[in-house]
Amino acid sequence: MAKYRKAPSGEWIGYPGLKMDDIEHESFKTFARLTAEAMVEDRMGRVIVRMDQETYSRFLDAVKKRFGNIKASSVEKAALDAVKEWMEEGGTK
């Protein structure tokens, strides 16, 4: 029988904050690995930032300068790094 950590409403794999370690059923660790990863990814927080064209262009230029490209993964990493830096400063800037 599959084991899941306790959730407020019982043992349910769909609760928020799911991590790969929470998924113990063997089928998810072998042939359905991508499904398990998608379940975890789907529960991650998201922030959408709308920018005017000038700010957006400057942001992409900065991403390209730092990472050498403007792939989605580089843009996401740059934005996440900026958010983490802002939080470390206490969110006062």
PDB file of N, CA and C in Angstrom:
ATOM      1  N   MET A   1       0.848  -1.188   0.000  1.00  0.00           N
ATOM      2  CA  MET A   1       0.000   0.000   0.000  1.00  0.00           C
ATOM      3  C   MET A   1       0.882   1.236   0.000  1.00  0.00           C
ATOM      4  N   ALA A   2       0.530   2.203  -0.777  1.00  0.00           N
ATOM      5  CA  ALA A   2       1.303   3.446  -0.858  1.00  0.00           C
ATOM      6  C   ALA A   2       1.222   4.209   0.451  1.00  0.00           C
ATOM      7  N   LYS A   3       2.310   4.886   0.772  1.00  0.00           N
ATOM      8  CA  LYS A   3       2.354   5.683   2.000  1.00  0.00           C
ATOM      9  C   LYS A   3       2.529   7.144   1.614  1.00  0.00           C
ATOM     10  N   TYR A   4       1.750   8.018   2.200  1.00  0.00           N
ATOM     11  CA  TYR A   4       1.858   9.446   1.973  1.00  0.00           C
ATOM     12  C   TYR A   4       1.944  10.127   3.330  1.00  0.00           C
ATOM     13  N   ARG A   5       2.646  11.255   3.399  1.00  0.00           N
ATOM     14  CA  ARG A   5       2.685  11.946   4.681  1.00  0.00           C
ATOM     15  C   ARG A   5       1.292  12.505   4.961  1.00  0.00           C
ATOM     16  N   LYS A   6       0.987  12.722   6.204  1.00  0.00           N
ATOM     17  CA  LYS A   6      -0.338  13.166   6.601  1.00  0.00           C
ATOM     18  C   LYS A   6      -0.653  14.540   6.031  1.00  0.00           C
ATOM     19  N   ALA A   7      -1.820  14.677   5.487  1.00  0.00           N
ATOM     20  CA  ALA A   7      -2.335  15.947   4.998  1.00  0.00           C
ATOM     21  C   ALA A   7      -3.541  16.301   5.862  1.00  0.00           C
ATOM     22  N   PRO A   8      -3.932  17.566   5.910  1.00  0.00           N
ATOM     23  CA  PRO A   8      -5.040  17.967   6.765  1.00  0.00           C
ATOM     24  C   PRO A   8      -6.317  17.159   6.567  1.00  0.00           C
ATOM     25  N   SER A   9      -6.619  16.759   5.327  1.00  0.00           N
ATOM     26  CA  SER A   9      -7.860  16.036   5.077  1.00  0.00           C
ATOM     27  C   SER A   9      -7.637  14.529   4.893  1.00  0.00           C
ATOM     28  N   GLY A  10      -6.473  14.029   5.221  1.00  0.00           N
ATOM     29  CA  GLY A  10      -6.203  12.609   5.074  1.00  0.00           C
ATOM     30  C   GLY A  10      -5.025  12.355   4.149  1.00  0.00           C
ATOM     31  N   GLU A  11      -4.901  11.132   3.684  1.00  0.00           N
ATOM     32  CA  GLU A  11      -3.806  10.768   2.808  1.00  0.00           C
ATOM     33  C   GLU A  11      -4.211  11.020   1.363  1.00  0.00           C
ATOM     34  N   TRP A  12      -3.772  12.128   0.839  1.00  0.00           N
ATOM     35  CA  TRP A  12      -4.142  12.539  -0.512  1.00  0.00           C
ATOM     36  C   TRP A  12      -2.921  13.108  -1.198  1.00  0.00           C
ATOM     37  N   ILE A  13      -2.584  12.609  -2.360  1.00  0.00           N
ATOM     38  CA  ILE A  13      -1.361  12.995  -3.053  1.00  0.00           C
ATOM     39  C   ILE A  13      -1.463  14.394  -3.667  1.00  0.00           C
ATOM     40  N   GLY A  14      -2.664  14.979  -3.717  1.00  0.00           N
ATOM     41  CA  GLY A  14      -2.841  16.262  -4.372  1.00  0.00           C
ATOM     42  C   GLY A  14      -2.753  17.468  -3.464  1.00  0.00           C
ATOM     43  N   TYR A  15      -2.246  17.330  -2.258  1.00  0.00           N
ATOM     44  CA  TYR A  15      -2.202  18.495  -1.375  1.00  0.00           C
ATOM     45  C   TYR A  15      -1.089  19.451  -1.775  1.00  0.00           C
ATOM     46  N   PRO A  16      -1.227  20.746  -1.434  1.00  0.00           N
ATOM     47  CA  PRO A  16      -0.194  21.728  -1.810  1.00  0.00           C
ATOM     48  C   PRO A  16       1.135  21.423  -1.126  1.00  0.00           C
ATOM     49  N   GLY A  17       2.212  21.879  -1.730  1.00  0.00           N
ATOM     50  CA  GLY A  17       3.533  21.672  -1.134  1.00  0.00           C
ATOM     51  C   GLY A  17       4.093  20.289  -1.367  1.00  0.00           C
ATOM     52  N   LEU A  18       3.621  19.606  -2.374  1.00  0.00           N
ATOM     53  CA  LEU A  18       4.081  18.254  -2.680  1.00  0.00           C
ATOM     54  C   LEU A  18       5.546  18.264  -3.100  1.00  0.00           C
ATOM     55  N   LYS A  19       6.326  17.312  -2.565  1.00  0.00           N
ATOM     56  CA  LYS A  19       7.727  17.154  -2.926  1.00  0.00           C
ATOM     57  C   LYS A  19       7.925  15.726  -3.433  1.00  0.00           C
ATOM     58  N   MET A  20       8.995  15.502  -4.169  1.00  0.00           N
ATOM     59  CA  MET A  20       9.251  14.153  -4.690  1.00  0.00           C
ATOM     60  C   MET A  20       9.349  13.132  -3.564  1.00  0.00           C
ATOM     61  N   ASP A  21       9.875  13.534  -2.406  1.00  0.00           N
ATOM     62  CA  ASP A  21       9.998  12.603  -1.277  1.00  0.00           C
ATOM     63  C   ASP A  21       8.638  12.164  -0.741  1.00  0.00           C
ATOM     64  N   ASP A  22       7.588  12.946  -0.999  1.00  0.00           N
ATOM     65  CA  ASP A  22       6.248  12.599  -0.533  1.00  0.00           C
ATOM     66  C   ASP A  22       5.641  11.467  -1.358  1.00  0.00           C
ATOM     67  N   ILE A  23       6.159  11.263  -2.556  1.00  0.00           N
ATOM     68  CA  ILE A  23       5.607  10.253  -3.453  1.00  0.00           C
ATOM     69  C   ILE A  23       6.409   8.974  -3.264  1.00  0.00           C
ATOM     70  N   GLU A  24       5.806   8.014  -2.573  1.00  0.00           N
ATOM     71  CA  GLU A  24       6.520   6.793  -2.245  1.00  0.00           C
ATOM     72  C   GLU A  24       6.066   5.599  -3.064  1.00  0.00           C
ATOM     73  N   HIS A  25       4.966   5.718  -3.770  1.00  0.00           N
ATOM     74  CA  HIS A  25       4.459   4.582  -4.526  1.00  0.00           C
ATOM     75  C   HIS A  25       5.440   4.223  -5.633  1.00  0.00           C
ATOM     76  N   GLU A  26       5.770   2.964  -5.735  1.00  0.00           N
ATOM     77  CA  GLU A  26       6.808   2.504  -6.659  1.00  0.00           C
ATOM     78  C   GLU A  26       6.517   2.858  -8.112  1.00  0.00           C
ATOM     79  N   SER A  27       5.258   2.842  -8.513  1.00  0.00           N
ATOM     80  CA  SER A  27       4.951   3.114  -9.917  1.00  0.00           C
ATOM     81  C   SER A  27       5.341   4.536 -10.309  1.00  0.00           C
ATOM     82  N   PHE A  28       5.247   5.479  -9.383  1.00  0.00           N
ATOM     83  CA  PHE A  28       5.636   6.852  -9.696  1.00  0.00           C
ATOM     84  C   PHE A  28       7.149   7.004  -9.752  1.00  0.00           C
ATOM     85  N   LYS A  29       7.875   6.136  -9.103  1.00  0.00           N
ATOM     86  CA  LYS A  29       9.337   6.232  -9.098  1.00  0.00           C
ATOM     87  C   LYS A  29       9.959   5.528 -10.295  1.00  0.00           C
ATOM     88  N   THR A  30       9.192   4.707 -10.993  1.00  0.00           N
ATOM     89  CA  THR A  30       9.767   3.975 -12.127  1.00  0.00           C
ATOM     90  C   THR A  30       9.173   4.472 -13.449  1.00  0.00           C
ATOM     91  N   PHE A  31       8.087   3.862 -13.910  1.00  0.00           N
ATOM     92  CA  PHE A  31       7.588   4.187 -15.244  1.00  0.00           C
ATOM     93  C   PHE A  31       6.840   5.513 -15.314  1.00  0.00           C
ATOM     94  N   ALA A  32       6.398   6.043 -14.202  1.00  0.00           N
ATOM     95  CA  ALA A  32       5.632   7.293 -14.238  1.00  0.00           C
ATOM     96  C   ALA A  32       6.411   8.451 -13.605  1.00  0.00           C
ATOM     97  N   ARG A  33       7.712   8.401 -13.701  1.00  0.00           N
ATOM     98  CA  ARG A  33       8.563   9.429 -13.089  1.00  0.00           C
ATOM     99  C   ARG A  33       8.196  10.834 -13.576  1.00  0.00           C
ATOM    100  N   LEU A  34       7.960  10.991 -14.867  1.00  0.00           N
ATOM    101  CA  LEU A  34       7.611  12.305 -15.411  1.00  0.00           C
ATOM    102  C   LEU A  34       6.271  12.795 -14.867  1.00  0.00           C
ATOM    103  N   THR A  35       5.341  11.882 -14.643  1.00  0.00           N
ATOM    104  CA  THR A  35       4.054  12.256 -14.053  1.00  0.00           C
ATOM    105  C   THR A  35       4.255  12.759 -12.638  1.00  0.00           C
ATOM    106  N   ALA A  36       5.076  12.068 -11.872  1.00  0.00           N
ATOM    107  CA  ALA A  36       5.349  12.485 -10.496  1.00  0.00           C
ATOM    108  C   ALA A  36       6.027  13.848 -10.475  1.00  0.00           C
ATOM    109  N   GLU A  37       7.001  14.063 -11.370  1.00  0.00           N
ATOM    110  CA  GLU A  37       7.682  15.356 -11.428  1.00  0.00           C
ATOM    111  C   GLU A  37       6.707  16.464 -11.823  1.00  0.00           C
ATOM    112  N   ALA A  38       5.799  16.165 -12.739  1.00  0.00           N
ATOM    113  CA  ALA A  38       4.807  17.157 -13.156  1.00  0.00           C
ATOM    114  C   ALA A  38       3.878  17.519 -12.006  1.00  0.00           C
ATOM    115  N   MET A  39       3.537  16.537 -11.171  1.00  0.00           N
ATOM    116  CA  MET A  39       2.677  16.806 -10.012  1.00  0.00           C
ATOM    117  C   MET A  39       3.365  17.758  -9.042  1.00  0.00           C
ATOM    118  N   VAL A  40       4.660  17.580  -8.842  1.00  0.00           N
ATOM    119  CA  VAL A  40       5.425  18.447  -7.948  1.00  0.00           C
ATOM    120  C   VAL A  40       5.560  19.840  -8.564  1.00  0.00           C
ATOM    121  N   GLU A  41       5.943  19.907  -9.833  1.00  0.00           N
ATOM    122  CA  GLU A  41       6.110  21.190 -10.527  1.00  0.00           C
ATOM    123  C   GLU A  41       4.816  21.993 -10.531  1.00  0.00           C
ATOM    124  N   ASP A  42       3.693  21.299 -10.690  1.00  0.00           N
ATOM    125  CA  ASP A  42       2.402  21.971 -10.790  1.00  0.00           C
ATOM    126  C   ASP A  42       2.031  22.715  -9.507  1.00  0.00           C
ATOM    127  N   ARG A  43       2.574  22.304  -8.388  1.00  0.00           N
ATOM    128  CA  ARG A  43       2.231  22.923  -7.112  1.00  0.00           C
ATOM    129  C   ARG A  43       3.213  24.014  -6.676  1.00  0.00           C
ATOM    130  N   MET A  44       4.196  24.316  -7.515  1.00  0.00           N
ATOM    131  CA  MET A  44       5.139  25.385  -7.189  1.00  0.00           C
ATOM    132  C   MET A  44       4.479  26.738  -7.402  1.00  0.00           C
ATOM    133  N   GLY A  45       4.870  27.697  -6.576  1.00  0.00           N
ATOM    134  CA  GLY A  45       4.315  29.039  -6.688  1.00  0.00           C
ATOM    135  C   GLY A  45       4.744  29.726  -7.967  1.00  0.00           C
ATOM    136  N   ARG A  46       3.890  30.617  -8.430  1.00  0.00           N
ATOM    137  CA  ARG A  46       4.182  31.363  -9.655  1.00  0.00           C
ATOM    138  C   ARG A  46       3.880  32.828  -9.440  1.00  0.00           C
ATOM    139  N   VAL A  47       4.668  33.663 -10.080  1.00  0.00           N
ATOM    140  CA  VAL A  47       4.426  35.099 -10.074  1.00  0.00           C
ATOM    141  C   VAL A  47       4.534  35.576 -11.519  1.00  0.00           C
ATOM    142  N   ILE A  48       3.564  36.328 -11.961  1.00  0.00           N
ATOM    143  CA  ILE A  48       3.603  36.891 -13.310  1.00  0.00           C
ATOM    144  C   ILE A  48       3.865  38.383 -13.165  1.00  0.00           C
ATOM    145  N   VAL A  49       4.901  38.844 -13.839  1.00  0.00           N
ATOM    146  CA  VAL A  49       5.274  40.254 -13.768  1.00  0.00           C
ATOM    147  C   VAL A  49       5.047  40.876 -15.141  1.00  0.00           C
ATOM    148  N   ARG A  50       4.211  41.888 -15.177  1.00  0.00           N
ATOM    149  CA  ARG A  50       3.978  42.606 -16.427  1.00  0.00           C
ATOM    150  C   ARG A  50       4.890  43.820 -16.451  1.00  0.00           C
ATOM    151  N   MET A  51       5.553  44.035 -17.581  1.00  0.00           N
ATOM    152  CA  MET A  51       6.507  45.141 -17.720  1.00  0.00           C
ATOM    153  C   MET A  51       6.190  45.914 -18.989  1.00  0.00           C
ATOM    154  N   ASP A  52       6.476  47.219 -18.956  1.00  0.00           N
ATOM    155  CA  ASP A  52       6.370  47.973 -20.200  1.00  0.00           C
ATOM    156  C   ASP A  52       7.517  47.518 -21.108  1.00  0.00           C
ATOM    157  N   GLN A  53       7.405  47.823 -22.388  1.00  0.00           N
ATOM    158  CA  GLN A  53       8.355  47.292 -23.366  1.00  0.00           C
ATOM    159  C   GLN A  53       9.800  47.708 -23.080  1.00  0.00           C
ATOM    160  N   GLU A  54      10.011  48.943 -22.655  1.00  0.00           N
ATOM    161  CA  GLU A  54      11.373  49.414 -22.377  1.00  0.00           C
ATOM    162  C   GLU A  54      11.999  48.636 -21.218  1.00  0.00           C
ATOM    163  N   THR A  55      11.256  48.460 -20.132  1.00  0.00           N
ATOM    164  CA  THR A  55      11.757  47.711 -18.976  1.00  0.00           C
ATOM    165  C   THR A  55      12.017  46.255 -19.356  1.00  0.00           C
ATOM    166  N   TYR A  56      11.093  45.681 -20.114  1.00  0.00           N
ATOM    167  CA  TYR A  56      11.238  44.287 -20.546  1.00  0.00           C
ATOM    168  C   TYR A  56      12.481  44.096 -21.411  1.00  0.00           C
ATOM    169  N   SER A  57      12.710  45.012 -22.336  1.00  0.00           N
ATOM    170  CA  SER A  57      13.895  44.931 -23.194  1.00  0.00           C
ATOM    171  C   SER A  57      15.175  45.053 -22.376  1.00  0.00           C
ATOM    172  N   ARG A  58      15.193  45.973 -21.411  1.00  0.00           N
ATOM    173  CA  ARG A  58      16.368  46.135 -20.539  1.00  0.00           C
ATOM    174  C   ARG A  58      16.600  44.879 -19.704  1.00  0.00           C
ATOM    175  N   PHE A  59      15.502  44.272 -19.214  1.00  0.00           N
ATOM    176  CA  PHE A  59      15.612  43.039 -18.434  1.00  0.00           C
ATOM    177  C   PHE A  59      16.206  41.920 -19.281  1.00  0.00           C
ATOM    178  N   LEU A  60      15.697  41.750 -20.513  1.00  0.00           N
ATOM    179  CA  LEU A  60      16.225  40.695 -21.388  1.00  0.00           C
ATOM    180  C   LEU A  60      17.677  40.951 -21.758  1.00  0.00           C
ATOM    181  N   ASP A  61      18.052  42.225 -21.949  1.00  0.00           N
ATOM    182  CA  ASP A  61      19.456  42.555 -22.225  1.00  0.00           C
ATOM    183  C   ASP A  61      20.336  42.158 -21.048  1.00  0.00           C
ATOM    184  N   ALA A  62      19.856  42.417 -19.824  1.00  0.00           N
ATOM    185  CA  ALA A  62      20.619  42.055 -18.623  1.00  0.00           C
ATOM    186  C   ALA A  62      20.734  40.538 -18.488  1.00  0.00           C
ATOM    187  N   VAL A  63      19.659  39.820 -18.800  1.00  0.00           N
ATOM    188  CA  VAL A  63      19.688  38.348 -18.751  1.00  0.00           C
ATOM    189  C   VAL A  63      20.698  37.820 -19.766  1.00  0.00           C
ATOM    190  N   LYS A  64      20.667  38.368 -20.982  1.00  0.00           N
ATOM    191  CA  LYS A  64      21.597  37.912 -22.025  1.00  0.00           C
ATOM    192  C   LYS A  64      23.041  38.205 -21.632  1.00  0.00           C
ATOM    193  N   LYS A  65      23.268  39.354 -21.008  1.00  0.00           N
ATOM    194  CA  LYS A  65      24.623  39.708 -20.579  1.00  0.00           C
ATOM    195  C   LYS A  65      25.131  38.739 -19.514  1.00  0.00           C
ATOM    196  N   ARG A  66      24.252  38.346 -18.600  1.00  0.00           N
ATOM    197  CA  ARG A  66      24.667  37.471 -17.504  1.00  0.00           C
ATOM    198  C   ARG A  66      24.752  36.000 -17.910  1.00  0.00           C
ATOM    199  N   PHE A  67      23.763  35.530 -18.673  1.00  0.00           N
ATOM    200  CA  PHE A  67      23.680  34.104 -18.994  1.00  0.00           C
ATOM    201  C   PHE A  67      24.099  33.773 -20.424  1.00  0.00           C
ATOM    202  N   GLY A  68      24.229  34.778 -21.273  1.00  0.00           N
ATOM    203  CA  GLY A  68      24.628  34.536 -22.646  1.00  0.00           C
ATOM    204  C   GLY A  68      23.481  34.182 -23.576  1.00  0.00           C
ATOM    205  N   ASN A  69      22.260  34.123 -23.042  1.00  0.00           N
ATOM    206  CA  ASN A  69      21.080  33.821 -23.852  1.00  0.00           C
ATOM    207  C   ASN A  69      19.841  34.325 -23.130  1.00  0.00           C
ATOM    208  N   ILE A  70      18.706  34.231 -23.805  1.00  0.00           N
ATOM    209  CA  ILE A  70      17.448  34.617 -23.150  1.00  0.00           C
ATOM    210  C   ILE A  70      16.458  33.453 -23.198  1.00  0.00           C
ATOM    211  N   LYS A  71      16.971  32.249 -22.984  1.00  0.00           N
ATOM    212  CA  LYS A  71      16.106  31.073 -22.888  1.00  0.00           C
ATOM    213  C   LYS A  71      15.183  31.244 -21.685  1.00  0.00           C
ATOM    214  N   ALA A  72      14.052  30.569 -21.713  1.00  0.00           N
ATOM    215  CA  ALA A  72      13.093  30.652 -20.612  1.00  0.00           C
ATOM    216  C   ALA A  72      13.740  30.288 -19.280  1.00  0.00           C
ATOM    217  N   SER A  73      14.613  29.296 -19.288  1.00  0.00           N
ATOM    218  CA  SER A  73      15.264  28.880 -18.038  1.00  0.00           C
ATOM    219  C   SER A  73      16.186  29.979 -17.505  1.00  0.00           C
ATOM    220  N   SER A  74      16.839  30.712 -18.397  1.00  0.00           N
ATOM    221  CA  SER A  74      17.720  31.808 -17.967  1.00  0.00           C
ATOM    222  C   SER A  74      16.909  32.981 -17.437  1.00  0.00           C
ATOM    223  N   VAL A  75      15.809  33.288 -18.102  1.00  0.00           N
ATOM    224  CA  VAL A  75      14.936  34.377 -17.651  1.00  0.00           C
ATOM    225  C   VAL A  75      14.366  34.043 -16.276  1.00  0.00           C
ATOM    226  N   GLU A  76      13.912  32.800 -16.100  1.00  0.00           N
ATOM    227  CA  GLU A  76      13.359  32.379 -14.818  1.00  0.00           C
ATOM    228  C   GLU A  76      14.419  32.442 -13.712  1.00  0.00           C
ATOM    229  N   LYS A  77      15.632  31.978 -14.008  1.00  0.00           N
ATOM    230  CA  LYS A  77      16.719  32.006 -13.018  1.00  0.00           C
ATOM    231  C   LYS A  77      17.056  33.437 -12.632  1.00  0.00           C
ATOM    232  N   ALA A  78      17.128  34.341 -13.608  1.00  0.00           N
ATOM    233  CA  ALA A  78      17.436  35.743 -13.323  1.00  0.00           C
ATOM    234  C   ALA A  78      16.363  36.370 -12.437  1.00  0.00           C
ATOM    235  N   ALA A  79      15.106  36.106 -12.763  1.00  0.00           N
ATOM    236  CA  ALA A  79      14.005  36.671 -11.973  1.00  0.00           C
ATOM    237  C   ALA A  79      14.011  36.097 -10.557  1.00  0.00           C
ATOM    238  N   LEU A  80      14.226  34.797 -10.433  1.00  0.00           N
ATOM    239  CA  LEU A  80      14.242  34.168  -9.112  1.00  0.00           C
ATOM    240  C   LEU A  80      15.423  34.671  -8.281  1.00  0.00           C
ATOM    241  N   ASP A  81      16.587  34.828  -8.903  1.00  0.00           N
ATOM    242  CA  ASP A  81      17.746  35.382  -8.198  1.00  0.00           C
ATOM    243  C   ASP A  81      17.460  36.789  -7.690  1.00  0.00           C
ATOM    244  N   ALA A  82      16.782  37.607  -8.519  1.00  0.00           N
ATOM    245  CA  ALA A  82      16.455  38.974  -8.115  1.00  0.00           C
ATOM    246  C   ALA A  82      15.473  38.980  -6.936  1.00  0.00           C
ATOM    247  N   VAL A  83      14.495  38.094  -6.972  1.00  0.00           N
ATOM    248  CA  VAL A  83      13.527  38.012  -5.874  1.00  0.00           C
ATOM    249  C   VAL A  83      14.222  37.565  -4.593  1.00  0.00           C
ATOM    250  N   LYS A  84      15.078  36.559  -4.672  1.00  0.00           N
ATOM    251  CA  LYS A  84      15.793  36.079  -3.480  1.00  0.00           C
ATOM    252  C   LYS A  84      16.688  37.161  -2.905  1.00  0.00           C
ATOM    253  N   GLU A  85      17.386  37.898  -3.773  1.00  0.00           N
ATOM    254  CA  GLU A  85      18.240  38.988  -3.307  1.00  0.00           C
ATOM    255  C   GLU A  85      17.409  40.061  -2.600  1.00  0.00           C
ATOM    256  N   TRP A  86      16.264  40.397  -3.166  1.00  0.00           N
ATOM    257  CA  TRP A  86      15.378  41.397  -2.580  1.00  0.00           C
ATOM    258  C   TRP A  86      14.876  40.929  -1.205  1.00  0.00           C
ATOM    259  N   MET A  87      14.544  39.660  -1.068  1.00  0.00           N
ATOM    260  CA  MET A  87      14.059  39.123   0.215  1.00  0.00           C
ATOM    261  C   MET A  87      15.169  39.139   1.255  1.00  0.00           C
ATOM    262  N   GLU A  88      16.411  38.800   0.850  1.00  0.00           N
ATOM    263  CA  GLU A  88      17.548  38.814   1.773  1.00  0.00           C
ATOM    264  C   GLU A  88      17.819  40.214   2.304  1.00  0.00           C
ATOM    265  N   GLU A  89      17.523  41.212   1.494  1.00  0.00           N
ATOM    266  CA  GLU A  89      17.696  42.611   1.922  1.00  0.00           C
ATOM    267  C   GLU A  89      16.535  43.080   2.787  1.00  0.00           C
ATOM    268  N   GLY A  90      15.621  42.187   3.062  1.00  0.00           N
ATOM    269  CA  GLY A  90      14.485  42.534   3.905  1.00  0.00           C
ATOM    270  C   GLY A  90      13.315  43.120   3.137  1.00  0.00           C
ATOM    271  N   GLY A  91      13.377  43.118   1.839  1.00  0.00           N
ATOM    272  CA  GLY A  91      12.287  43.629   1.025  1.00  0.00           C
ATOM    273  C   GLY A  91      12.090  45.120   1.145  1.00  0.00           C
ATOM    274  N   THR A  92      13.154  45.844   1.494  1.00  0.00           N
ATOM    275  CA  THR A  92      13.025  47.287   1.713  1.00  0.00           C
ATOM    276  C   THR A  92      13.440  48.117   0.521  1.00  0.00           C
ATOM    277  N   LYS A  93      14.064  47.533  -0.446  1.00  0.00           N
ATOM    278  CA  LYS A  93      14.586  48.270  -1.603  1.00  0.00           C
ATOM    279  C   LYS A  93      13.514  48.538  -2.629  1.00  0.00           C
TER     280      LYS A  93
END
